[in-house]
Amino acid sequence: MIRVERGISREYEDLFRSDPGATAFHHPDFLMAYEAIFGGRFEVWWLDDDCACPFVINEKGPYRSASSAGYGCYGGPIGNPERFSEFLRLARARGFSRLEVVDFRNRLPVDGFRVAERTAHIIELPENPDEVTRLYSNSRRRNLRKALRVERSADPGEFYELHSETFRSLRTWVTPEEGITALFGSEIARFYSAYKERELAGVLLVLSWGQEAMWWISGRKPWGEGVMTHLLHAAILDAMAEGRRSFNLGGTDAPGPARFKESMGARPYSYRSLVSERGVFGLLRRIRRNP
């Protein structure tokens, strides 16, 4: 039977730290910011004491959804992999209109779920920092010769303002300011700012845990050509100095971003989301997908 907790217990933290498949998005610091980032209600679902999964719950009238992570994040259950099949069966039985579980490690059974294929781009980091620029294309190496200065810090207000300005112009999701602010000072968060002379040209938030670092949130001025190359290069060097083995450039769903990430030396990595929809809401969504 699934047990639901609203907080982050010591037992959860111990389970998180014991699972090599856990990501920065399972970290207690990130979970503390869950509601500020995604809205809804934060819950941890437990199967006994050896399997747990963070969820954000949204309810609107009779429609109830549960998602193991939100935009650009990797959730899914952690703990004993032998319990994952039972956990997912019981999670589906809770009767939500929509249940989504991100399977970044490709270790979950898919029975009873619709599989949504996802792609990230990941750089396998060399051991020698002097070799990292060999991964980059000629255009990325030329970008590094531009007169930009990167600082390993950020002002929360300026960070949010530039992030918001950038992503609203792209008509895509903007991370709420409260969610960004909640991560300042966290052991998993690395904030960067890039300047052209004294003017802020770009910002970057990298999340790091275990062997991995990940580009999560950014923003840049329209005139800031080359700024993301500078920011990512600084973050990649820091990740290598911290002993990370890979740098994830995040989810990719369009050719333009894919080309940029591959020009930084990243290669496609396939993962998936498992989706279960039921009742009239599931029927309507199936009709929309298959008119």
Protein backbone atom coordinates (compact mmCIF):
# COMPACT_ATOMS: atom_id res chain seq x y z
CA MET A 1 0.00 0.00 0.00
CA ILE A 2 1.26 3.51 -0.85
CA ARG A 3 2.00 5.76 2.15
CA VAL A 4 1.92 9.52 1.53
CA GLU A 5 4.06 12.04 3.41
CA ARG A 6 4.03 15.81 2.98
CA GLY A 7 7.50 16.48 4.30
CA ILE A 8 11.07 15.32 3.74
CA SER A 9 12.05 12.89 6.46
CA ARG A 10 15.45 11.70 7.57
CA GLU A 11 14.46 8.31 6.15
CA TYR A 12 13.91 9.87 2.73
CA GLU A 13 17.28 11.64 2.82
CA ASP A 14 19.04 8.39 3.78
CA LEU A 15 17.29 6.55 0.92
CA PHE A 16 18.18 9.31 -1.55
CA ARG A 17 21.86 9.28 -0.59
CA SER A 18 22.02 5.47 -0.82
CA ASP A 19 20.69 5.26 -4.42
CA PRO A 20 23.34 5.84 -7.13
CA GLY A 21 20.49 6.39 -9.60
CA ALA A 22 19.14 9.42 -7.73
CA THR A 23 19.56 12.82 -9.39
CA ALA A 24 19.82 16.40 -8.19
CA PHE A 25 16.04 16.61 -8.66
CA HIS A 26 15.60 14.06 -5.85
CA HIS A 27 17.78 16.10 -3.48
CA PRO A 28 16.00 17.49 -0.39
CA ASP A 29 17.04 21.04 -1.33
CA PHE A 30 15.29 20.75 -4.68
CA LEU A 31 12.22 19.15 -3.10
CA MET A 32 11.98 22.06 -0.66
CA ALA A 33 11.54 24.29 -3.73
CA TYR A 34 9.08 21.94 -5.52
CA GLU A 35 5.90 23.87 -4.79
CA ALA A 36 7.53 27.24 -5.53
CA ILE A 37 8.80 25.92 -8.88
CA PHE A 38 5.84 23.83 -10.07
CA GLY A 39 2.87 25.00 -8.00
CA GLY A 40 0.49 22.33 -6.74
CA ARG A 41 1.13 20.26 -3.64
CA PHE A 42 4.34 18.38 -2.85
CA GLU A 43 4.11 14.78 -1.64
CA VAL A 44 6.46 11.84 -1.19
CA TRP A 45 4.89 8.46 -1.96
CA TRP A 46 6.40 5.49 -0.10
CA LEU A 47 6.20 1.75 -0.59
CA ASP A 48 7.22 0.39 2.81
CA ASP A 49 10.59 1.92 3.72
CA ASP A 50 12.72 0.99 0.71
CA CYS A 51 11.06 2.77 -2.24
CA ALA A 52 9.96 6.42 -2.48
CA CYS A 53 9.05 8.94 -5.17
CA PRO A 54 8.46 12.72 -4.93
CA PHE A 55 5.35 14.03 -6.72
CA VAL A 56 3.68 17.34 -7.39
CA ILE A 57 -0.12 17.06 -7.18
CA ASN A 58 -2.49 19.35 -9.09
CA GLU A 59 -6.26 19.31 -8.67
CA LYS A 60 -8.89 21.22 -10.64
CA GLY A 61 -12.42 20.07 -10.05
CA PRO A 62 -12.57 16.33 -10.74
CA TYR A 63 -9.23 16.38 -12.60
CA ARG A 64 -6.32 15.19 -10.47
CA SER A 65 -2.77 14.79 -11.76
CA ALA A 66 0.42 13.54 -10.17
CA SER A 67 3.82 14.09 -11.79
CA SER A 68 7.15 12.82 -10.55
CA ALA A 69 8.83 15.97 -11.86
CA GLY A 70 8.10 19.02 -13.94
CA TYR A 71 9.59 20.84 -16.92
CA GLY A 72 13.15 19.72 -17.66
CA CYS A 73 13.50 17.62 -14.50
CA TYR A 74 14.15 13.97 -13.72
CA GLY A 75 12.11 12.36 -10.98
CA GLY A 76 10.95 8.79 -10.67
CA PRO A 77 11.17 6.36 -7.76
CA ILE A 78 14.38 5.78 -5.83
CA GLY A 79 15.40 2.95 -3.56
CA ASN A 80 15.20 -0.79 -4.17
CA PRO A 81 14.73 -1.44 -7.94
CA GLU A 82 13.06 -4.77 -7.17
CA ARG A 83 10.14 -2.80 -5.68
CA PHE A 84 9.64 -0.43 -8.63
CA SER A 85 7.16 -2.67 -10.46
CA GLU A 86 4.93 -2.99 -7.40
CA PHE A 87 5.28 0.73 -6.65
CA LEU A 88 4.08 1.72 -10.13
CA ARG A 89 1.17 -0.71 -9.99
CA LEU A 90 0.02 0.74 -6.67
CA ALA A 91 0.62 4.31 -7.86
CA ARG A 92 -1.67 3.73 -10.86
CA ALA A 93 -4.30 2.23 -8.57
CA ARG A 94 -4.56 5.52 -6.64
CA GLY A 95 -6.97 6.70 -9.32
CA PHE A 96 -5.43 9.93 -10.59
CA SER A 97 -6.75 11.27 -13.90
CA ARG A 98 -3.16 11.53 -15.07
CA LEU A 99 -0.01 10.00 -13.59
CA GLU A 100 3.42 10.73 -15.07
CA VAL A 101 6.67 9.17 -13.88
CA VAL A 102 9.97 10.23 -15.42
CA ASP A 103 12.32 7.32 -16.11
CA PHE A 104 15.67 9.01 -16.70
CA ARG A 105 17.70 5.88 -15.88
CA ASN A 106 15.52 3.64 -18.10
CA ARG A 107 15.09 1.21 -15.23
CA LEU A 108 11.30 1.17 -14.76
CA PRO A 109 8.82 -1.41 -16.11
CA VAL A 110 6.41 0.07 -18.63
CA ASP A 111 3.41 -2.29 -18.26
CA GLY A 112 0.19 -0.29 -18.17
CA PHE A 113 1.80 2.99 -19.23
CA ARG A 114 2.02 4.97 -22.44
CA VAL A 115 5.71 5.61 -23.13
CA ALA A 116 6.73 9.13 -24.16
CA GLU A 117 10.23 9.14 -25.61
CA ARG A 118 12.55 11.95 -24.46
CA THR A 119 16.04 13.06 -25.46
CA ALA A 120 18.76 14.82 -23.50
CA HIS A 121 22.26 15.74 -24.68
CA ILE A 122 25.15 14.70 -22.44
CA ILE A 123 28.89 15.41 -22.55
CA GLU A 124 31.15 12.63 -21.26
CA LEU A 125 33.88 14.65 -19.57
CA PRO A 126 37.56 13.93 -20.18
CA GLU A 127 39.90 13.52 -17.23
CA ASN A 128 42.21 16.32 -18.35
CA PRO A 129 40.69 19.85 -18.32
CA ASP A 130 43.06 20.85 -21.12
CA GLU A 131 41.27 18.42 -23.42
CA VAL A 132 37.75 19.77 -22.97
CA THR A 133 37.91 22.36 -25.76
CA ARG A 134 38.80 19.57 -28.19
CA LEU A 135 35.19 18.45 -27.80
CA TYR A 136 33.92 21.81 -29.07
CA SER A 137 33.32 22.77 -32.67
CA ASN A 138 35.43 25.50 -34.30
CA SER A 139 32.60 28.01 -33.88
CA ARG A 140 32.40 27.30 -30.13
CA ARG A 141 36.16 27.74 -29.77
CA ARG A 142 35.90 31.06 -31.62
CA ASN A 143 33.15 32.10 -29.20
CA LEU A 144 35.57 31.64 -26.30
CA ARG A 145 37.80 34.34 -27.78
CA LYS A 146 35.04 36.94 -27.37
CA ALA A 147 35.56 39.55 -24.65
CA LEU A 148 33.19 38.20 -22.00
CA ARG A 149 33.80 37.76 -18.27
CA VAL A 150 32.18 34.97 -16.26
CA GLU A 151 31.60 35.24 -12.51
CA ARG A 152 30.67 32.28 -10.32
CA SER A 153 27.83 34.09 -8.61
CA ALA A 154 24.55 35.85 -9.43
CA ASP A 155 22.15 38.38 -8.02
CA PRO A 156 18.79 36.57 -7.53
CA GLY A 157 16.71 39.45 -8.88
CA GLU A 158 18.91 40.04 -11.92
CA PHE A 159 19.06 36.30 -12.59
CA TYR A 160 15.28 35.96 -12.61
CA GLU A 161 14.76 39.12 -14.67
CA LEU A 162 17.05 37.95 -17.47
CA HIS A 163 15.77 34.36 -17.35
CA SER A 164 12.18 35.61 -17.52
CA GLU A 165 12.91 38.05 -20.34
CA THR A 166 14.58 35.32 -22.39
CA PHE A 167 12.00 32.58 -21.99
CA ARG A 168 8.95 34.80 -22.31
CA SER A 169 10.33 35.92 -25.66
CA LEU A 170 10.54 32.23 -26.64
CA ARG A 171 6.97 31.71 -25.40
CA THR A 172 7.98 28.87 -23.15
CA TRP A 173 7.80 28.08 -19.44
CA VAL A 174 9.48 30.52 -17.02
CA THR A 175 10.73 29.20 -13.68
CA PRO A 176 9.11 31.28 -10.91
CA GLU A 177 11.38 33.68 -9.05
CA GLU A 178 10.57 32.03 -5.70
CA GLY A 179 11.79 28.68 -7.02
CA ILE A 180 15.09 30.13 -8.21
CA THR A 181 15.64 32.04 -4.97
CA ALA A 182 15.00 28.88 -2.93
CA LEU A 183 18.05 27.23 -4.51
CA PHE A 184 20.55 29.97 -3.66
CA GLY A 185 23.00 28.57 -1.13
CA SER A 186 22.14 24.93 -1.87
CA GLU A 187 24.94 22.40 -2.19
CA ILE A 188 23.50 21.28 -5.55
CA ALA A 189 23.24 24.75 -7.18
CA ARG A 190 25.96 26.59 -9.11
CA PHE A 191 25.04 30.10 -10.32
CA TYR A 192 26.99 31.92 -13.06
CA SER A 193 26.81 35.39 -14.59
CA ALA A 194 28.50 36.60 -17.78
CA TYR A 195 29.32 40.24 -18.49
CA LYS A 196 30.36 42.22 -21.53
CA GLU A 197 32.36 45.00 -19.95
CA ARG A 198 29.99 45.90 -17.05
CA GLU A 199 26.70 44.86 -18.61
CA LEU A 200 25.05 41.57 -17.69
CA ALA A 201 24.91 39.44 -20.84
CA GLY A 202 23.82 36.01 -19.59
CA VAL A 203 23.07 33.81 -16.57
CA LEU A 204 23.23 30.08 -15.93
CA LEU A 205 22.11 27.73 -13.15
CA VAL A 206 23.77 24.32 -13.02
CA LEU A 207 22.56 21.53 -10.72
CA SER A 208 25.18 19.03 -9.58
CA TRP A 209 24.94 15.75 -7.73
CA GLY A 210 27.05 12.60 -7.64
CA GLN A 211 28.83 12.02 -10.95
CA GLU A 212 26.67 14.50 -12.89
CA ALA A 213 26.21 18.20 -13.50
CA MET A 214 23.33 19.65 -15.52
CA TRP A 215 22.46 22.90 -17.28
CA TRP A 216 19.01 23.63 -15.91
CA ILE A 217 18.05 27.34 -16.15
CA SER A 218 19.60 30.15 -18.18
CA GLY A 219 18.97 33.47 -19.86
CA ARG A 220 20.82 35.83 -22.15
CA LYS A 221 20.56 39.18 -23.87
CA PRO A 222 19.64 39.06 -27.59
CA TRP A 223 23.00 40.65 -28.44
CA GLY A 224 24.91 38.18 -26.26
CA GLU A 225 26.44 36.06 -29.01
CA GLY A 226 28.79 33.49 -27.54
CA VAL A 227 27.62 34.08 -23.98
CA MET A 228 26.23 30.56 -23.45
CA THR A 229 29.49 29.06 -24.68
CA HIS A 230 31.40 31.08 -22.07
CA LEU A 231 28.97 30.20 -19.27
CA LEU A 232 28.88 26.51 -20.10
CA HIS A 233 32.65 26.30 -20.50
CA ALA A 234 33.15 27.76 -17.02
CA ALA A 235 30.55 25.38 -15.57
CA ILE A 236 32.07 22.37 -17.35
CA LEU A 237 35.52 23.17 -15.95
CA ASP A 238 34.04 23.48 -12.46
CA ALA A 239 32.22 20.16 -12.86
CA MET A 240 35.48 18.48 -13.83
CA ALA A 241 37.27 20.04 -10.85
CA GLU A 242 34.52 18.63 -8.60
CA GLY A 243 35.03 15.15 -10.02
CA ARG A 244 31.85 14.95 -12.13
CA ARG A 245 32.00 12.48 -14.99
CA SER A 246 29.26 13.91 -17.22
CA PHE A 247 27.62 17.24 -18.03
CA ASN A 248 23.98 17.13 -19.11
CA LEU A 249 22.93 19.95 -21.43
CA GLY A 250 19.29 19.15 -20.78
CA GLY A 251 16.26 18.04 -22.73
CA THR A 252 16.25 18.59 -26.49
CA ASP A 253 13.10 18.76 -28.61
CA ALA A 254 14.15 20.88 -31.60
CA PRO A 255 16.95 20.74 -34.22
CA GLY A 256 18.44 24.16 -33.37
CA PRO A 257 19.18 23.44 -29.69
CA ALA A 258 20.36 19.95 -30.61
CA ARG A 259 22.93 21.36 -33.05
CA PHE A 260 24.22 23.81 -30.42
CA LYS A 261 24.56 21.08 -27.79
CA GLU A 262 26.33 18.75 -30.19
CA SER A 263 28.72 21.58 -31.07
CA MET A 264 29.72 21.56 -27.37
CA GLY A 265 30.59 17.86 -27.63
CA ALA A 266 27.31 16.45 -26.27
CA ARG A 267 25.68 13.32 -27.63
CA PRO A 268 21.98 12.31 -27.57
CA TYR A 269 20.76 10.27 -24.63
CA SER A 270 17.32 8.64 -24.79
CA TYR A 271 15.09 8.33 -21.76
CA ARG A 272 11.32 8.32 -21.28
CA SER A 273 8.28 9.40 -19.35
CA LEU A 274 5.67 6.85 -18.37
CA VAL A 275 2.11 8.21 -18.56
CA SER A 276 -1.12 6.67 -17.30
CA GLU A 277 -4.45 8.38 -18.07
CA ARG A 278 -7.83 7.13 -17.03
CA GLY A 279 -11.54 7.93 -17.20
CA VAL A 280 -13.03 10.54 -19.50
CA PHE A 281 -9.86 12.64 -19.35
CA GLY A 282 -7.74 9.79 -20.66
CA LEU A 283 -10.30 9.08 -23.40
CA LEU A 284 -10.30 12.72 -24.56
CA ARG A 285 -6.52 12.81 -24.69
CA ARG A 286 -6.41 9.58 -26.70
CA ILE A 287 -8.91 11.04 -29.16
CA ARG A 288 -6.76 14.16 -29.57
CA ARG A 289 -3.68 12.03 -30.22
CA ASN A 290 -5.53 9.77 -32.69
CA PRO A 291 -8.20 11.85 -34.45
